[in-house]
Amino acid sequence: MKRIFWGIVLMTAAASMAAAAETPKPNQNDAGNPVARVRDNMSWEYGPFVNWGTGVGNRSDYKFFWAGFQIGKMLTPVIHTRFFPGQFELAGNIMPLWQAYTPAPHTKTYTCDVGGVSEPCVLPVGGGTFRGVSLTPVIMRWNFLTRSRRIQPWFQAAGGLIYTTHKFPPNFYSDPALGLDGGTSVWNFSPQGGFGLHYFTSAKRSIDLGVNAVHISSASLGDRNPGVNASIQVQVDYTFWSR
């Protein structure tokens, strides 16, 4: 599974760099060049997406499935910087379907304070499927200037908010007798960054592939904040474009 993920990452990065490295020709705003038309018209984009991901490191046994709707708008004409000229876009998305799949409830050994003495103790830990919704109100995207008529590569940074119906991520259960607060939070934040590309299938339609690194943390809103330090998320969109 990790090989598949890193293969997607490398292929997306290679396609993005290859397309962005070329300098566009003049007078490309014609019916046969949707990338140039979107660029020149500073177009809107909107459409549904699905997302699948996996945690990494100590959360490699966590899996994710999300689905929602995204909208964005090119805010600037082409900015000719020395490296990677392009356009700035502001976007956002909402995910009515947000699911995380974690190991089933189990027991785990912790260090407990028993009468002032630290001793190992076995505590029950939550788990299973967690459901919720997520909102990413700010997605700052840089669309690289490209010569390609079909491929538009981009890089982005974003921040989101997640609400789950049960406290996430799962942790040990609180035990006041042992002085243990094991609660996390139903609210979490999701700072993230990634890259991807639009592949135009027609004048006003594209299929998009993105790869994001997402951090999930409650910012200590709960008693504990174990979080998901890192996850890799692969997103596929079907996008409509309009002026």
C-alpha atoms as a PDB file:
ATOM      1  CA  MET A   1       0.000   0.000   0.000  1.00  0.00           C
ATOM      2  CA  LYS A   2       2.822   2.417   0.841  1.00  0.00           C
ATOM      3  CA  ARG A   3       4.415   1.700  -2.563  1.00  0.00           C
ATOM      4  CA  ILE A   4       1.158   2.664  -4.285  1.00  0.00           C
ATOM      5  CA  PHE A   5       0.962   5.918  -2.338  1.00  0.00           C
ATOM      6  CA  TRP A   6       4.533   6.938  -3.022  1.00  0.00           C
ATOM      7  CA  GLY A   7       4.102   5.949  -6.659  1.00  0.00           C
ATOM      8  CA  ILE A   8       1.147   8.354  -6.930  1.00  0.00           C
ATOM      9  CA  VAL A   9       3.157  11.063  -5.176  1.00  0.00           C
ATOM     10  CA  LEU A  10       6.124  10.681  -7.536  1.00  0.00           C
ATOM     11  CA  MET A  11       4.013  10.514 -10.711  1.00  0.00           C
ATOM     12  CA  THR A  12       2.011  13.605  -9.723  1.00  0.00           C
ATOM     13  CA  ALA A  13       5.133  15.547  -8.819  1.00  0.00           C
ATOM     14  CA  ALA A  14       6.874  14.547 -12.063  1.00  0.00           C
ATOM     15  CA  ALA A  15       3.891  15.566 -14.211  1.00  0.00           C
ATOM     16  CA  SER A  16       3.553  18.865 -12.357  1.00  0.00           C
ATOM     17  CA  MET A  17       7.222  19.754 -12.693  1.00  0.00           C
ATOM     18  CA  ALA A  18       7.310  18.782 -16.374  1.00  0.00           C
ATOM     19  CA  ALA A  19       4.289  20.935 -17.196  1.00  0.00           C
ATOM     20  CA  ALA A  20       5.361  23.899 -15.057  1.00  0.00           C
ATOM     21  CA  ALA A  21       8.909  23.945 -16.381  1.00  0.00           C
ATOM     22  CA  GLU A  22       7.822  25.012 -19.872  1.00  0.00           C
ATOM     23  CA  THR A  23       7.167  28.596 -20.950  1.00  0.00           C
ATOM     24  CA  PRO A  24       3.751  29.147 -22.567  1.00  0.00           C
ATOM     25  CA  LYS A  25       3.427  30.352 -26.149  1.00  0.00           C
ATOM     26  CA  PRO A  26       1.582  33.599 -26.864  1.00  0.00           C
ATOM     27  CA  ASN A  27      -2.025  33.745 -28.109  1.00  0.00           C
ATOM     28  CA  GLN A  28      -3.088  30.480 -26.558  1.00  0.00           C
ATOM     29  CA  ASN A  29      -6.571  31.615 -25.532  1.00  0.00           C
ATOM     30  CA  ASP A  30      -8.502  29.529 -28.060  1.00  0.00           C
ATOM     31  CA  ALA A  31     -11.057  26.722 -28.018  1.00  0.00           C
ATOM     32  CA  GLY A  32      -8.334  24.103 -28.197  1.00  0.00           C
ATOM     33  CA  ASN A  33      -6.495  25.338 -25.112  1.00  0.00           C
ATOM     34  CA  PRO A  34      -8.672  25.137 -21.975  1.00  0.00           C
ATOM     35  CA  VAL A  35      -5.693  25.746 -19.670  1.00  0.00           C
ATOM     36  CA  ALA A  36      -4.956  29.118 -21.299  1.00  0.00           C
ATOM     37  CA  ARG A  37      -8.635  30.097 -21.329  1.00  0.00           C
ATOM     38  CA  VAL A  38      -9.059  29.322 -17.618  1.00  0.00           C
ATOM     39  CA  ARG A  39      -5.884  31.279 -16.920  1.00  0.00           C
ATOM     40  CA  ASP A  40      -6.864  34.314 -18.987  1.00  0.00           C
ATOM     41  CA  ASN A  41     -10.473  34.393 -17.766  1.00  0.00           C
ATOM     42  CA  MET A  42      -9.435  34.007 -14.099  1.00  0.00           C
ATOM     43  CA  SER A  43     -12.138  31.338 -13.927  1.00  0.00           C
ATOM     44  CA  TRP A  44     -14.171  29.769 -11.126  1.00  0.00           C
ATOM     45  CA  GLU A  45     -13.832  26.039 -10.448  1.00  0.00           C
ATOM     46  CA  TYR A  46     -16.296  23.836  -8.569  1.00  0.00           C
ATOM     47  CA  GLY A  47     -17.197  20.189  -8.255  1.00  0.00           C
ATOM     48  CA  PRO A  48     -17.343  17.023  -6.115  1.00  0.00           C
ATOM     49  CA  PHE A  49     -14.383  15.031  -4.860  1.00  0.00           C
ATOM     50  CA  VAL A  50     -13.494  11.841  -3.016  1.00  0.00           C
ATOM     51  CA  ASN A  51     -10.470  11.341  -0.805  1.00  0.00           C
ATOM     52  CA  TRP A  52      -8.709   8.276   0.541  1.00  0.00           C
ATOM     53  CA  GLY A  53      -5.761   8.299   2.923  1.00  0.00           C
ATOM     54  CA  THR A  54      -3.612   6.541   5.448  1.00  0.00           C
ATOM     55  CA  GLY A  55      -1.818   7.603   8.583  1.00  0.00           C
ATOM     56  CA  VAL A  56       1.972   7.302   8.729  1.00  0.00           C
ATOM     57  CA  GLY A  57       4.370   6.553  11.555  1.00  0.00           C
ATOM     58  CA  ASN A  58       2.593   5.530  14.744  1.00  0.00           C
ATOM     59  CA  ARG A  59      -0.774   6.047  12.982  1.00  0.00           C
ATOM     60  CA  SER A  60      -0.063   3.797   9.986  1.00  0.00           C
ATOM     61  CA  ASP A  61      -2.989   1.576  11.015  1.00  0.00           C
ATOM     62  CA  TYR A  62      -5.435   4.500  10.562  1.00  0.00           C
ATOM     63  CA  LYS A  63      -7.305   4.796   7.238  1.00  0.00           C
ATOM     64  CA  PHE A  64      -9.517   7.632   6.002  1.00  0.00           C
ATOM     65  CA  PHE A  65     -12.330   8.120   3.500  1.00  0.00           C
ATOM     66  CA  TRP A  66     -13.798  11.564   2.804  1.00  0.00           C
ATOM     67  CA  ALA A  67     -16.128  13.040   0.176  1.00  0.00           C
ATOM     68  CA  GLY A  68     -17.395  16.541  -0.456  1.00  0.00           C
ATOM     69  CA  PHE A  69     -17.601  19.600  -2.688  1.00  0.00           C
ATOM     70  CA  GLN A  70     -14.946  22.187  -3.503  1.00  0.00           C
ATOM     71  CA  ILE A  71     -15.095  25.682  -5.001  1.00  0.00           C
ATOM     72  CA  GLY A  72     -12.325  28.113  -5.939  1.00  0.00           C
ATOM     73  CA  LYS A  73     -11.569  31.296  -7.876  1.00  0.00           C
ATOM     74  CA  MET A  74      -8.444  32.576  -9.619  1.00  0.00           C
ATOM     75  CA  LEU A  75      -7.755  35.924  -7.941  1.00  0.00           C
ATOM     76  CA  THR A  76      -4.805  37.266  -9.925  1.00  0.00           C
ATOM     77  CA  PRO A  77      -3.547  37.349 -13.486  1.00  0.00           C
ATOM     78  CA  VAL A  78      -0.261  35.571 -14.138  1.00  0.00           C
ATOM     79  CA  ILE A  79       2.458  36.806 -11.799  1.00  0.00           C
ATOM     80  CA  HIS A  80       5.861  36.571 -13.465  1.00  0.00           C
ATOM     81  CA  THR A  81       8.231  35.575 -10.699  1.00  0.00           C
ATOM     82  CA  ARG A  82      11.785  34.431 -11.287  1.00  0.00           C
ATOM     83  CA  PHE A  83      10.923  30.882 -10.272  1.00  0.00           C
ATOM     84  CA  PHE A  84       7.631  29.167 -11.073  1.00  0.00           C
ATOM     85  CA  PRO A  85       5.460  32.042 -12.365  1.00  0.00           C
ATOM     86  CA  GLY A  86       1.747  31.472 -11.999  1.00  0.00           C
ATOM     87  CA  GLN A  87      -1.593  32.568 -10.535  1.00  0.00           C
ATOM     88  CA  PHE A  88      -2.934  32.727  -7.009  1.00  0.00           C
ATOM     89  CA  GLU A  89      -6.257  31.005  -6.296  1.00  0.00           C
ATOM     90  CA  LEU A  90      -8.411  31.018  -3.166  1.00  0.00           C
ATOM     91  CA  ALA A  91     -10.630  27.993  -2.576  1.00  0.00           C
ATOM     92  CA  GLY A  92     -12.502  26.047   0.087  1.00  0.00           C
ATOM     93  CA  ASN A  93     -14.348  22.784   0.537  1.00  0.00           C
ATOM     94  CA  ILE A  94     -16.890  21.034   2.703  1.00  0.00           C
ATOM     95  CA  MET A  95     -16.983  17.310   3.489  1.00  0.00           C
ATOM     96  CA  PRO A  96     -20.368  16.016   4.704  1.00  0.00           C
ATOM     97  CA  LEU A  97     -18.805  12.547   4.655  1.00  0.00           C
ATOM     98  CA  TRP A  98     -15.736  12.210   6.869  1.00  0.00           C
ATOM     99  CA  GLN A  99     -14.712   8.794   8.168  1.00  0.00           C
ATOM    100  CA  ALA A 100     -11.649   7.455   9.974  1.00  0.00           C
ATOM    101  CA  TYR A 101     -11.047   3.730  10.398  1.00  0.00           C
ATOM    102  CA  THR A 102      -8.978   2.886  13.473  1.00  0.00           C
ATOM    103  CA  PRO A 103      -8.093  -0.409  15.187  1.00  0.00           C
ATOM    104  CA  ALA A 104     -10.984  -2.034  17.060  1.00  0.00           C
ATOM    105  CA  PRO A 105     -11.314  -1.375  20.805  1.00  0.00           C
ATOM    106  CA  HIS A 106      -8.483  -3.122  22.663  1.00  0.00           C
ATOM    107  CA  THR A 107      -6.336  -2.953  25.787  1.00  0.00           C
ATOM    108  CA  LYS A 108      -2.931  -1.345  26.107  1.00  0.00           C
ATOM    109  CA  THR A 109      -0.313  -1.044  28.843  1.00  0.00           C
ATOM    110  CA  TYR A 110       0.218   2.431  30.327  1.00  0.00           C
ATOM    111  CA  THR A 111       2.065   3.809  33.351  1.00  0.00           C
ATOM    112  CA  CYS A 112      -0.355   4.666  36.161  1.00  0.00           C
ATOM    113  CA  ASP A 113       0.122   6.522  39.430  1.00  0.00           C
ATOM    114  CA  VAL A 114      -1.070   4.155  42.176  1.00  0.00           C
ATOM    115  CA  GLY A 115      -0.704   5.674  45.650  1.00  0.00           C
ATOM    116  CA  GLY A 116       2.136   7.877  44.482  1.00  0.00           C
ATOM    117  CA  VAL A 117       3.948   4.959  42.868  1.00  0.00           C
ATOM    118  CA  SER A 118       4.257   4.605  39.080  1.00  0.00           C
ATOM    119  CA  GLU A 119       3.197   1.150  38.008  1.00  0.00           C
ATOM    120  CA  PRO A 120       2.263  -0.453  34.682  1.00  0.00           C
ATOM    121  CA  CYS A 121      -1.455  -0.904  34.194  1.00  0.00           C
ATOM    122  CA  VAL A 122      -3.626  -2.276  31.411  1.00  0.00           C
ATOM    123  CA  LEU A 123      -6.368   0.097  30.243  1.00  0.00           C
ATOM    124  CA  PRO A 124      -9.145  -0.217  27.653  1.00  0.00           C
ATOM    125  CA  VAL A 125      -8.645   1.889  24.525  1.00  0.00           C
ATOM    126  CA  GLY A 126     -11.394   2.983  22.165  1.00  0.00           C
ATOM    127  CA  GLY A 127     -11.395   2.376  18.431  1.00  0.00           C
ATOM    128  CA  GLY A 128     -13.393   1.425  15.376  1.00  0.00           C
ATOM    129  CA  THR A 129     -14.971   3.708  12.776  1.00  0.00           C
ATOM    130  CA  PHE A 130     -15.334   7.431  13.507  1.00  0.00           C
ATOM    131  CA  ARG A 131     -17.739   9.619  11.519  1.00  0.00           C
ATOM    132  CA  GLY A 132     -18.082  13.355  11.185  1.00  0.00           C
ATOM    133  CA  VAL A 133     -17.992  16.383   8.914  1.00  0.00           C
ATOM    134  CA  SER A 134     -15.189  18.713   7.914  1.00  0.00           C
ATOM    135  CA  LEU A 135     -14.858  22.259   6.593  1.00  0.00           C
ATOM    136  CA  THR A 136     -11.743  23.672   4.945  1.00  0.00           C
ATOM    137  CA  PRO A 137     -12.575  27.371   4.541  1.00  0.00           C
ATOM    138  CA  VAL A 138      -9.148  28.496   3.339  1.00  0.00           C
ATOM    139  CA  ILE A 139      -7.203  26.771   0.569  1.00  0.00           C
ATOM    140  CA  MET A 140      -4.402  28.923  -0.858  1.00  0.00           C
ATOM    141  CA  ARG A 141      -3.327  27.504  -4.186  1.00  0.00           C
ATOM    142  CA  TRP A 142      -0.596  28.500  -6.613  1.00  0.00           C
ATOM    143  CA  ASN A 143      -1.326  27.448 -10.213  1.00  0.00           C
ATOM    144  CA  PHE A 144       1.937  27.189 -12.114  1.00  0.00           C
ATOM    145  CA  LEU A 145       2.244  28.874 -15.516  1.00  0.00           C
ATOM    146  CA  THR A 146       2.391  26.082 -18.072  1.00  0.00           C
ATOM    147  CA  ARG A 147       2.634  25.542 -21.794  1.00  0.00           C
ATOM    148  CA  SER A 148       0.451  22.456 -21.691  1.00  0.00           C
ATOM    149  CA  ARG A 149      -3.045  22.616 -23.197  1.00  0.00           C
ATOM    150  CA  ARG A 150      -4.379  19.848 -20.944  1.00  0.00           C
ATOM    151  CA  ILE A 151      -2.401  19.812 -17.688  1.00  0.00           C
ATOM    152  CA  GLN A 152      -2.456  22.565 -15.051  1.00  0.00           C
ATOM    153  CA  PRO A 153      -0.182  21.782 -12.065  1.00  0.00           C
ATOM    154  CA  TRP A 154      -0.557  23.450  -8.673  1.00  0.00           C
ATOM    155  CA  PHE A 155       0.731  23.612  -5.114  1.00  0.00           C
ATOM    156  CA  GLN A 156      -1.391  24.472  -2.087  1.00  0.00           C
ATOM    157  CA  ALA A 157      -1.545  25.082   1.667  1.00  0.00           C
ATOM    158  CA  ALA A 158      -4.788  24.912   3.664  1.00  0.00           C
ATOM    159  CA  GLY A 159      -6.369  24.737   7.081  1.00  0.00           C
ATOM    160  CA  GLY A 160      -9.569  22.983   8.138  1.00  0.00           C
ATOM    161  CA  LEU A 161     -11.848  22.051  11.016  1.00  0.00           C
ATOM    162  CA  ILE A 162     -13.215  18.559  11.774  1.00  0.00           C
ATOM    163  CA  TYR A 163     -16.180  17.584  13.959  1.00  0.00           C
ATOM    164  CA  THR A 164     -16.712  13.919  14.846  1.00  0.00           C
ATOM    165  CA  THR A 165     -19.667  12.335  16.630  1.00  0.00           C
ATOM    166  CA  HIS A 166     -17.258  10.720  19.122  1.00  0.00           C
ATOM    167  CA  LYS A 167     -13.965  11.986  20.519  1.00  0.00           C
ATOM    168  CA  PHE A 168     -11.145  11.468  18.039  1.00  0.00           C
ATOM    169  CA  PRO A 169      -8.574  10.012  17.970  1.00  0.00           C
ATOM    170  CA  PRO A 170      -9.456   7.112  20.279  1.00  0.00           C
ATOM    171  CA  ASN A 171      -7.531   7.005  23.536  1.00  0.00           C
ATOM    172  CA  PHE A 172      -7.714   5.193  26.883  1.00  0.00           C
ATOM    173  CA  TYR A 173     -10.805   5.734  29.001  1.00  0.00           C
ATOM    174  CA  SER A 174     -10.638   8.171  31.908  1.00  0.00           C
ATOM    175  CA  ASP A 175     -10.192   6.673  35.380  1.00  0.00           C
ATOM    176  CA  PRO A 176     -10.382   9.312  38.156  1.00  0.00           C
ATOM    177  CA  ALA A 177      -9.274   6.723  40.729  1.00  0.00           C
ATOM    178  CA  LEU A 178      -5.911   6.508  38.958  1.00  0.00           C
ATOM    179  CA  GLY A 179      -5.725  10.193  38.158  1.00  0.00           C
ATOM    180  CA  LEU A 180      -6.054   9.490  34.433  1.00  0.00           C
ATOM    181  CA  ASP A 181      -7.790  11.839  31.998  1.00  0.00           C
ATOM    182  CA  GLY A 182      -8.064   9.992  28.724  1.00  0.00           C
ATOM    183  CA  GLY A 183     -10.515  12.153  26.809  1.00  0.00           C
ATOM    184  CA  THR A 184      -9.560  13.699  23.466  1.00  0.00           C
ATOM    185  CA  SER A 185     -11.974  15.962  21.554  1.00  0.00           C
ATOM    186  CA  VAL A 186     -14.834  15.945  19.042  1.00  0.00           C
ATOM    187  CA  TRP A 187     -13.221  19.055  17.492  1.00  0.00           C
ATOM    188  CA  ASN A 188      -9.931  18.845  15.606  1.00  0.00           C
ATOM    189  CA  PHE A 189      -7.955  21.099  13.279  1.00  0.00           C
ATOM    190  CA  SER A 190      -6.364  19.945  10.013  1.00  0.00           C
ATOM    191  CA  PRO A 191      -3.443  22.061   8.725  1.00  0.00           C
ATOM    192  CA  GLN A 192      -2.229  20.609   5.433  1.00  0.00           C
ATOM    193  CA  GLY A 193      -0.237  21.107   2.270  1.00  0.00           C
ATOM    194  CA  GLY A 194       0.175  19.332  -1.035  1.00  0.00           C
ATOM    195  CA  PHE A 195       0.361  19.424  -4.799  1.00  0.00           C
ATOM    196  CA  GLY A 196      -1.519  18.100  -7.787  1.00  0.00           C
ATOM    197  CA  LEU A 197      -2.831  18.818 -11.260  1.00  0.00           C
ATOM    198  CA  HIS A 198      -5.944  19.413 -13.323  1.00  0.00           C
ATOM    199  CA  TYR A 199      -6.269  17.273 -16.457  1.00  0.00           C
ATOM    200  CA  PHE A 200      -8.733  18.916 -18.864  1.00  0.00           C
ATOM    201  CA  THR A 201     -10.948  16.418 -20.637  1.00  0.00           C
ATOM    202  CA  SER A 202     -12.913  19.155 -22.471  1.00  0.00           C
ATOM    203  CA  ALA A 203     -13.174  22.934 -22.688  1.00  0.00           C
ATOM    204  CA  LYS A 204     -14.830  23.331 -19.264  1.00  0.00           C
ATOM    205  CA  ARG A 205     -14.231  20.013 -17.505  1.00  0.00           C
ATOM    206  CA  SER A 206     -11.242  18.510 -15.764  1.00  0.00           C
ATOM    207  CA  ILE A 207     -10.334  15.494 -13.682  1.00  0.00           C
ATOM    208  CA  ASP A 208      -8.017  16.468 -10.834  1.00  0.00           C
ATOM    209  CA  LEU A 209      -5.524  14.501  -8.782  1.00  0.00           C
ATOM    210  CA  GLY A 210      -4.032  15.858  -5.571  1.00  0.00           C
ATOM    211  CA  VAL A 211      -1.760  14.507  -2.847  1.00  0.00           C
ATOM    212  CA  ASN A 212      -1.858  16.186   0.575  1.00  0.00           C
ATOM    213  CA  ALA A 213       0.007  15.756   3.840  1.00  0.00           C
ATOM    214  CA  VAL A 214      -2.564  16.378   6.616  1.00  0.00           C
ATOM    215  CA  HIS A 215      -1.970  16.865  10.347  1.00  0.00           C
ATOM    216  CA  ILE A 216      -4.932  16.353  12.705  1.00  0.00           C
ATOM    217  CA  SER A 217      -4.818  17.931  16.156  1.00  0.00           C
ATOM    218  CA  SER A 218      -7.299  19.208  18.750  1.00  0.00           C
ATOM    219  CA  ALA A 219      -4.919  21.975  19.905  1.00  0.00           C
ATOM    220  CA  SER A 220      -5.424  20.528  23.416  1.00  0.00           C
ATOM    221  CA  LEU A 221      -9.195  21.107  23.468  1.00  0.00           C
ATOM    222  CA  GLY A 222      -9.500  17.712  25.153  1.00  0.00           C
ATOM    223  CA  ASP A 223      -7.760  16.316  28.222  1.00  0.00           C
ATOM    224  CA  ARG A 224      -5.103  14.833  25.950  1.00  0.00           C
ATOM    225  CA  ASN A 225      -3.962  15.638  22.434  1.00  0.00           C
ATOM    226  CA  PRO A 226      -2.417  12.521  20.844  1.00  0.00           C
ATOM    227  CA  GLY A 227      -3.596  13.626  17.373  1.00  0.00           C
ATOM    228  CA  VAL A 228      -2.587  12.185  14.018  1.00  0.00           C
ATOM    229  CA  ASN A 229       0.804  13.746  13.432  1.00  0.00           C
ATOM    230  CA  ALA A 230       0.885  12.892   9.756  1.00  0.00           C
ATOM    231  CA  SER A 231      -1.295  11.290   7.108  1.00  0.00           C
ATOM    232  CA  ILE A 232      -1.076  11.097   3.323  1.00  0.00           C
ATOM    233  CA  GLN A 233      -4.338  11.834   1.502  1.00  0.00           C
ATOM    234  CA  VAL A 234      -5.052  11.235  -2.187  1.00  0.00           C
ATOM    235  CA  GLN A 235      -7.935  13.278  -3.622  1.00  0.00           C
ATOM    236  CA  VAL A 236      -9.714  12.934  -6.972  1.00  0.00           C
ATOM    237  CA  ASP A 237     -12.060  15.711  -8.191  1.00  0.00           C
ATOM    238  CA  TYR A 238     -14.396  16.159 -11.126  1.00  0.00           C
ATOM    239  CA  THR A 239     -14.257  19.889 -11.809  1.00  0.00           C
ATOM    240  CA  PHE A 240     -16.454  22.320 -13.752  1.00  0.00           C
ATOM    241  CA  TRP A 241     -15.008  25.642 -14.934  1.00  0.00           C
ATOM    242  CA  SER A 242     -16.856  28.895 -15.600  1.00  0.00           C
ATOM    243  CA  ARG A 243     -15.964  32.541 -16.031  1.00  0.00           C
END
